[in-house]
C-alpha atoms as a PDB file:
ATOM      1  CA  MET A   1     104.548  84.082  92.623  1.00  0.00           C
ATOM      2  CA  ILE A   2     106.955  85.380  90.923  1.00  0.00           C
ATOM      3  CA  ILE A   3     110.375  86.043  93.188  1.00  0.00           C
ATOM      4  CA  GLY A   4     113.157  88.702  91.915  1.00  0.00           C
ATOM      5  CA  ASP A   5     116.610  88.863  93.092  1.00  0.00           C
ATOM      6  CA  VAL A   6     120.237  89.505  91.349  1.00  0.00           C
ATOM      7  CA  ASN A   7     121.300  86.775  93.447  1.00  0.00           C
ATOM      8  CA  THR A   8     121.275  83.696  91.024  1.00  0.00           C
ATOM      9  CA  VAL A   9     121.966  80.588  94.550  1.00  0.00           C
ATOM     10  CA  ARG A  10     118.827  82.620  95.657  1.00  0.00           C
ATOM     11  CA  LEU A  11     116.957  82.113  92.407  1.00  0.00           C
ATOM     12  CA  ALA A  12     117.403  78.981  92.131  1.00  0.00           C
ATOM     13  CA  HIS A  13     117.045  77.894  95.721  1.00  0.00           C
ATOM     14  CA  ALA A  14     113.387  80.173  94.844  1.00  0.00           C
ATOM     15  CA  LYS A  15     112.712  77.999  91.723  1.00  0.00           C
ATOM     16  CA  ALA A  16     113.735  74.423  93.662  1.00  0.00           C
ATOM     17  CA  GLN A  17     110.696  75.922  95.905  1.00  0.00           C
ATOM     18  CA  GLY A  18     108.501  75.437  92.540  1.00  0.00           C
ATOM     19  CA  PHE A  19     108.164  79.324  92.679  1.00  0.00           C
ATOM     20  CA  GLU A  20     108.605  81.753  89.162  1.00  0.00           C
ATOM     21  CA  ILE A  21     112.105  84.107  89.362  1.00  0.00           C
ATOM     22  CA  ALA A  22     112.585  87.276  87.430  1.00  0.00           C
ATOM     23  CA  ASP A  23     116.399  87.659  87.594  1.00  0.00           C
ATOM     24  CA  LEU A  24     117.303  91.775  87.902  1.00  0.00           C
ATOM     25  CA  SER A  25     120.890  91.223  87.157  1.00  0.00           C
ATOM     26  CA  LEU A  26     119.494  90.524  83.257  1.00  0.00           C
ATOM     27  CA  ASP A  27     119.625  93.792  81.233  1.00  0.00           C
ATOM     28  CA  THR A  28     115.827  92.141  80.159  1.00  0.00           C
ATOM     29  CA  PRO A  29     113.641  94.847  81.986  1.00  0.00           C
ATOM     30  CA  LEU A  30     111.508  93.587  84.875  1.00  0.00           C
ATOM     31  CA  HIS A  31     107.994  94.173  82.914  1.00  0.00           C
ATOM     32  CA  GLU A  32     109.261  92.148  79.839  1.00  0.00           C
ATOM     33  CA  GLN A  33     110.338  89.359  81.992  1.00  0.00           C
ATOM     34  CA  ILE A  34     106.403  89.329  83.753  1.00  0.00           C
ATOM     35  CA  ALA A  35     105.441  89.601  80.335  1.00  0.00           C
ATOM     36  CA  ALA A  36     107.016  86.408  79.813  1.00  0.00           C
ATOM     37  CA  LEU A  37     105.793  84.575  82.648  1.00  0.00           C
ATOM     38  CA  LEU A  38     102.495  85.691  82.964  1.00  0.00           C
ATOM     39  CA  GLY A  39     101.241  86.812  78.728  1.00  0.00           C
ATOM     40  CA  GLU A  40     101.463  90.690  80.640  1.00  0.00           C
ATOM     41  CA  PRO A  41     103.834  93.072  81.757  1.00  0.00           C
ATOM     42  CA  GLU A  42     101.837  93.781  85.438  1.00  0.00           C
ATOM     43  CA  VAL A  43     101.151  91.592  88.377  1.00  0.00           C
ATOM     44  CA  ASP A  44      98.166  92.500  91.042  1.00  0.00           C
ATOM     45  CA  CYS A  45     100.724  93.086  94.062  1.00  0.00           C
ATOM     46  CA  ALA A  46     104.115  93.183  95.309  1.00  0.00           C
ATOM     47  CA  VAL A  47     106.616  92.557  98.160  1.00  0.00           C
ATOM     48  CA  ASP A  48     109.499  95.128  98.771  1.00  0.00           C
ATOM     49  CA  ALA A  49     111.174  92.664 101.310  1.00  0.00           C
ATOM     50  CA  VAL A  50     114.748  94.226 100.187  1.00  0.00           C
ATOM     51  CA  GLY A  51     114.655  97.482 102.051  1.00  0.00           C
ATOM     52  CA  PHE A  52     117.181  99.951 102.093  1.00  0.00           C
ATOM     53  CA  GLU A  53     119.976  97.666 101.484  1.00  0.00           C
ATOM     54  CA  ALA A  54     119.276  97.036  98.022  1.00  0.00           C
ATOM     55  CA  ARG A  55     121.944  97.153  95.823  1.00  0.00           C
ATOM     56  CA  GLY A  56     121.524  99.351  91.693  1.00  0.00           C
ATOM     57  CA  HIS A  57     122.484  97.765  88.516  1.00  0.00           C
ATOM     58  CA  GLY A  58     126.006  99.637  88.640  1.00  0.00           C
ATOM     59  CA  HIS A  59     127.778 100.135  84.970  1.00  0.00           C
ATOM     60  CA  ASP A  60     131.555  99.536  85.967  1.00  0.00           C
ATOM     61  CA  GLY A  61     130.486  96.149  87.156  1.00  0.00           C
ATOM     62  CA  VAL A  62     129.970  97.460  90.671  1.00  0.00           C
ATOM     63  CA  LYS A  63     126.215  97.239  92.645  1.00  0.00           C
ATOM     64  CA  HIS A  64     126.391 100.575  93.781  1.00  0.00           C
ATOM     65  CA  GLU A  65     123.921 100.931  97.072  1.00  0.00           C
ATOM     66  CA  ALA A  66     120.356 101.997  95.599  1.00  0.00           C
ATOM     67  CA  PRO A  67     117.902 102.072  98.140  1.00  0.00           C
ATOM     68  CA  ALA A  68     115.240 103.528  96.084  1.00  0.00           C
ATOM     69  CA  THR A  69     115.408 100.799  93.148  1.00  0.00           C
ATOM     70  CA  VAL A  70     113.319  98.333  94.110  1.00  0.00           C
ATOM     71  CA  LEU A  71     109.922 100.405  95.472  1.00  0.00           C
ATOM     72  CA  ASN A  72     110.530 102.251  92.130  1.00  0.00           C
ATOM     73  CA  SER A  73     110.747  99.283  89.864  1.00  0.00           C
ATOM     74  CA  LEU A  74     107.382  97.785  91.820  1.00  0.00           C
ATOM     75  CA  MET A  75     105.298 100.987  90.789  1.00  0.00           C
ATOM     76  CA  GLY A  76     106.419 100.015  87.119  1.00  0.00           C
ATOM     77  CA  VAL A  77     105.289  96.801  86.856  1.00  0.00           C
ATOM     78  CA  VAL A  78     102.421  97.117  89.698  1.00  0.00           C
ATOM     79  CA  ARG A  79      98.935  97.645  87.586  1.00  0.00           C
ATOM     80  CA  VAL A  80      96.330 100.573  88.624  1.00  0.00           C
ATOM     81  CA  ALA A  81      95.200 100.128  91.890  1.00  0.00           C
ATOM     82  CA  GLY A  82      97.231  97.248  92.846  1.00  0.00           C
ATOM     83  CA  LYS A  83      98.878  97.323  96.263  1.00  0.00           C
ATOM     84  CA  ILE A  84     102.795  97.105  97.117  1.00  0.00           C
ATOM     85  CA  GLY A  85     103.874  95.567 101.005  1.00  0.00           C
ATOM     86  CA  ILE A  86     106.831  97.302 102.371  1.00  0.00           C
ATOM     87  CA  PRO A  87     107.639  95.184 105.066  1.00  0.00           C
ATOM     88  CA  GLY A  88     111.650  95.817 103.815  1.00  0.00           C
ATOM     89  CA  LEU A  89     113.419  97.822 106.367  1.00  0.00           C
ATOM     90  CA  TYR A  90     113.745 101.138 105.770  1.00  0.00           C
ATOM     91  CA  VAL A  91     115.570 103.513 108.800  1.00  0.00           C
ATOM     92  CA  THR A  92     115.028 106.867 109.439  1.00  0.00           C
ATOM     93  CA  GLU A  93     118.444 107.848 109.757  1.00  0.00           C
ATOM     94  CA  ASP A  94     121.618 105.824 107.571  1.00  0.00           C
ATOM     95  CA  PRO A  95     124.806 107.595 108.458  1.00  0.00           C
ATOM     96  CA  GLY A  96     126.555 105.564 105.946  1.00  0.00           C
ATOM     97  CA  ALA A  97     124.138 106.216 102.983  1.00  0.00           C
ATOM     98  CA  VAL A  98     125.147 107.586  99.977  1.00  0.00           C
ATOM     99  CA  ASP A  99     123.774 111.087  99.844  1.00  0.00           C
ATOM    100  CA  ALA A 100     123.015 113.564 102.060  1.00  0.00           C
ATOM    101  CA  ALA A 101     119.231 112.430 101.656  1.00  0.00           C
ATOM    102  CA  ALA A 102     119.589 109.192 102.193  1.00  0.00           C
ATOM    103  CA  LYS A 103     121.385 109.717 104.928  1.00  0.00           C
ATOM    104  CA  MET A 104     118.496 111.092 106.591  1.00  0.00           C
ATOM    105  CA  GLY A 105     115.931 108.310 105.261  1.00  0.00           C
ATOM    106  CA  SER A 106     114.838 110.485 102.180  1.00  0.00           C
ATOM    107  CA  LEU A 107     114.815 107.972  98.985  1.00  0.00           C
ATOM    108  CA  SER A 108     113.630 109.586  95.227  1.00  0.00           C
ATOM    109  CA  ILE A 109     110.398 107.330  94.834  1.00  0.00           C
ATOM    110  CA  ARG A 110     108.559 108.182  92.104  1.00  0.00           C
ATOM    111  CA  PHE A 111     105.704 108.627  94.609  1.00  0.00           C
ATOM    112  CA  GLY A 112     103.804 110.557  91.239  1.00  0.00           C
ATOM    113  CA  LEU A 113     103.882 107.277  89.551  1.00  0.00           C
ATOM    114  CA  GLY A 114     102.332 105.721  92.870  1.00  0.00           C
ATOM    115  CA  TRP A 115      99.865 108.328  92.671  1.00  0.00           C
ATOM    116  CA  ALA A 116      98.752 107.782  89.005  1.00  0.00           C
ATOM    117  CA  LYS A 117      98.153 104.411  89.488  1.00  0.00           C
ATOM    118  CA  SER A 118      96.308 104.759  92.395  1.00  0.00           C
ATOM    119  CA  HIS A 119      98.816 101.906  94.172  1.00  0.00           C
ATOM    120  CA  SER A 120      97.993 101.136  97.964  1.00  0.00           C
ATOM    121  CA  PHE A 121     100.783 101.040  99.825  1.00  0.00           C
ATOM    122  CA  HIS A 122     101.249  99.339 103.308  1.00  0.00           C
ATOM    123  CA  THR A 123     104.334  99.830 105.032  1.00  0.00           C
ATOM    124  CA  GLY A 124     106.192  98.668 108.731  1.00  0.00           C
ATOM    125  CA  GLN A 125     107.184  95.013 110.211  1.00  0.00           C
ATOM    126  CA  THR A 126     104.891  92.511 109.509  1.00  0.00           C
ATOM    127  CA  PRO A 127     102.529  91.812 111.943  1.00  0.00           C
ATOM    128  CA  VAL A 128     103.718  88.064 112.323  1.00  0.00           C
ATOM    129  CA  MET A 129     100.845  87.786 115.042  1.00  0.00           C
ATOM    130  CA  LYS A 130      97.978  88.166 112.827  1.00  0.00           C
ATOM    131  CA  TYR A 131      99.709  85.814 111.008  1.00  0.00           C
ATOM    132  CA  ASN A 132     100.775  82.968 113.180  1.00  0.00           C
ATOM    133  CA  ARG A 133      97.863  80.401 114.118  1.00  0.00           C
ATOM    134  CA  GLN A 134      97.015  79.958 110.393  1.00  0.00           C
ATOM    135  CA  LEU A 135     101.086  79.463 109.069  1.00  0.00           C
ATOM    136  CA  MET A 136     101.241  77.067 112.833  1.00  0.00           C
ATOM    137  CA  GLN A 137      97.777  74.938 111.286  1.00  0.00           C
ATOM    138  CA  ALA A 138      99.414  75.208 107.404  1.00  0.00           C
ATOM    139  CA  ILE A 139     102.917  73.597 109.061  1.00  0.00           C
ATOM    140  CA  MET A 140     101.101  70.692 111.182  1.00  0.00           C
ATOM    141  CA  TRP A 141      99.195  69.781 108.484  1.00  0.00           C
ATOM    142  CA  ASP A 142     102.027  69.445 105.897  1.00  0.00           C
ATOM    143  CA  ARG A 143     100.425  72.188 103.415  1.00  0.00           C
ATOM    144  CA  ILE A 144     103.633  73.698 103.491  1.00  0.00           C
ATOM    145  CA  HIS A 145     107.211  73.439 104.074  1.00  0.00           C
ATOM    146  CA  ILE A 146     108.590  76.405 105.221  1.00  0.00           C
ATOM    147  CA  ALA A 147     111.834  75.178 106.827  1.00  0.00           C
ATOM    148  CA  ASP A 148     112.811  74.223 103.150  1.00  0.00           C
ATOM    149  CA  ILE A 149     110.741  77.116 101.574  1.00  0.00           C
ATOM    150  CA  VAL A 150     113.382  79.385 104.034  1.00  0.00           C
ATOM    151  CA  GLY A 151     116.584  77.223 103.463  1.00  0.00           C
ATOM    152  CA  VAL A 152     116.851  76.167 107.443  1.00  0.00           C
ATOM    153  CA  GLU A 153     119.932  74.988 108.525  1.00  0.00           C
ATOM    154  CA  VAL A 154     121.108  73.415 111.939  1.00  0.00           C
ATOM    155  CA  ILE A 155     124.428  74.563 112.764  1.00  0.00           C
ATOM    156  CA  SER A 156     126.743  73.869 116.168  1.00  0.00           C
ATOM    157  CA  LEU A 157     128.014  76.511 117.248  1.00  0.00           C
ATOM    158  CA  ASP A 158     131.147  76.133 116.652  1.00  0.00           C
ATOM    159  CA  ASP A 159     129.928  76.225 113.010  1.00  0.00           C
ATOM    160  CA  ALA A 160     128.757  79.862 113.689  1.00  0.00           C
ATOM    161  CA  PRO A 161     131.397  81.945 112.061  1.00  0.00           C
ATOM    162  CA  ARG A 162     130.860  79.769 108.957  1.00  0.00           C
ATOM    163  CA  GLY A 163     127.113  80.613 108.892  1.00  0.00           C
ATOM    164  CA  TYR A 164     127.340  84.474 109.476  1.00  0.00           C
ATOM    165  CA  GLY A 165     129.776  84.455 106.772  1.00  0.00           C
ATOM    166  CA  GLU A 166     127.731  82.715 104.002  1.00  0.00           C
ATOM    167  CA  PHE A 167     124.168  84.568 105.696  1.00  0.00           C
ATOM    168  CA  ASP A 168     126.689  87.931 104.550  1.00  0.00           C
ATOM    169  CA  ALA A 169     127.472  86.648 101.351  1.00  0.00           C
ATOM    170  CA  GLY A 170     123.632  86.058 100.051  1.00  0.00           C
ATOM    171  CA  VAL A 171     122.863  82.525 100.367  1.00  0.00           C
ATOM    172  CA  PRO A 172     119.437  81.129 100.517  1.00  0.00           C
ATOM    173  CA  LYS A 173     119.456  80.011 104.194  1.00  0.00           C
ATOM    174  CA  LYS A 174     118.269  80.539 107.385  1.00  0.00           C
ATOM    175  CA  PHE A 175     120.754  79.419 109.943  1.00  0.00           C
ATOM    176  CA  VAL A 176     119.984  77.866 113.674  1.00  0.00           C
ATOM    177  CA  ILE A 177     122.051  77.298 116.285  1.00  0.00           C
ATOM    178  CA  ASP A 178     121.965  74.326 117.794  1.00  0.00           C
ATOM    179  CA  PRO A 179     125.008  75.264 120.880  1.00  0.00           C
ATOM    180  CA  HIS A 180     123.978  72.487 123.087  1.00  0.00           C
ATOM    181  CA  LYS A 181     123.152  69.703 120.163  1.00  0.00           C
ATOM    182  CA  MET A 182     118.950  69.669 121.353  1.00  0.00           C
ATOM    183  CA  PHE A 183     118.090  69.014 117.799  1.00  0.00           C
ATOM    184  CA  SER A 184     120.075  66.080 116.494  1.00  0.00           C
ATOM    185  CA  ALA A 185     119.830  64.269 119.640  1.00  0.00           C
ATOM    186  CA  ALA A 186     115.696  64.315 118.950  1.00  0.00           C
END
């Protein structure tokens, strides 16, 4: 599995968990990074787990909101008849968006490219109950260490402001607030 990101801390975490990485902050195009990893520039499927908060690569050193960036990039690297999963959050309205179309949930995606490559798109919230039993079994039988993969850190209620600040800054962690110190007591 290849994880793509612009955040070097999250990329380092993904690499430490055994994933291949694509550093999207580099000038090297995504298809070239994929080719360096796989020997070919395309993948069978991809997942957009970012959504409307994606930031493009601004030429002025500032990352500008570019909600269609991820989808357009994925259509470029997913092979013909490939699949693109889109659990990343896209909204019907975004009053703070960069332009009038995005404010109404309309994005400039290269749908013609997706059509020409016969891509299958699946959108919406992830059906977690569908995978719940399998995931639980994999965790119980020690096949995956989900807490390590998602970067779980148990914090006190007093540490919650720090946790929210770090999360907002993009750390690869999921904070579990333990207000009654139940986890530390166990």
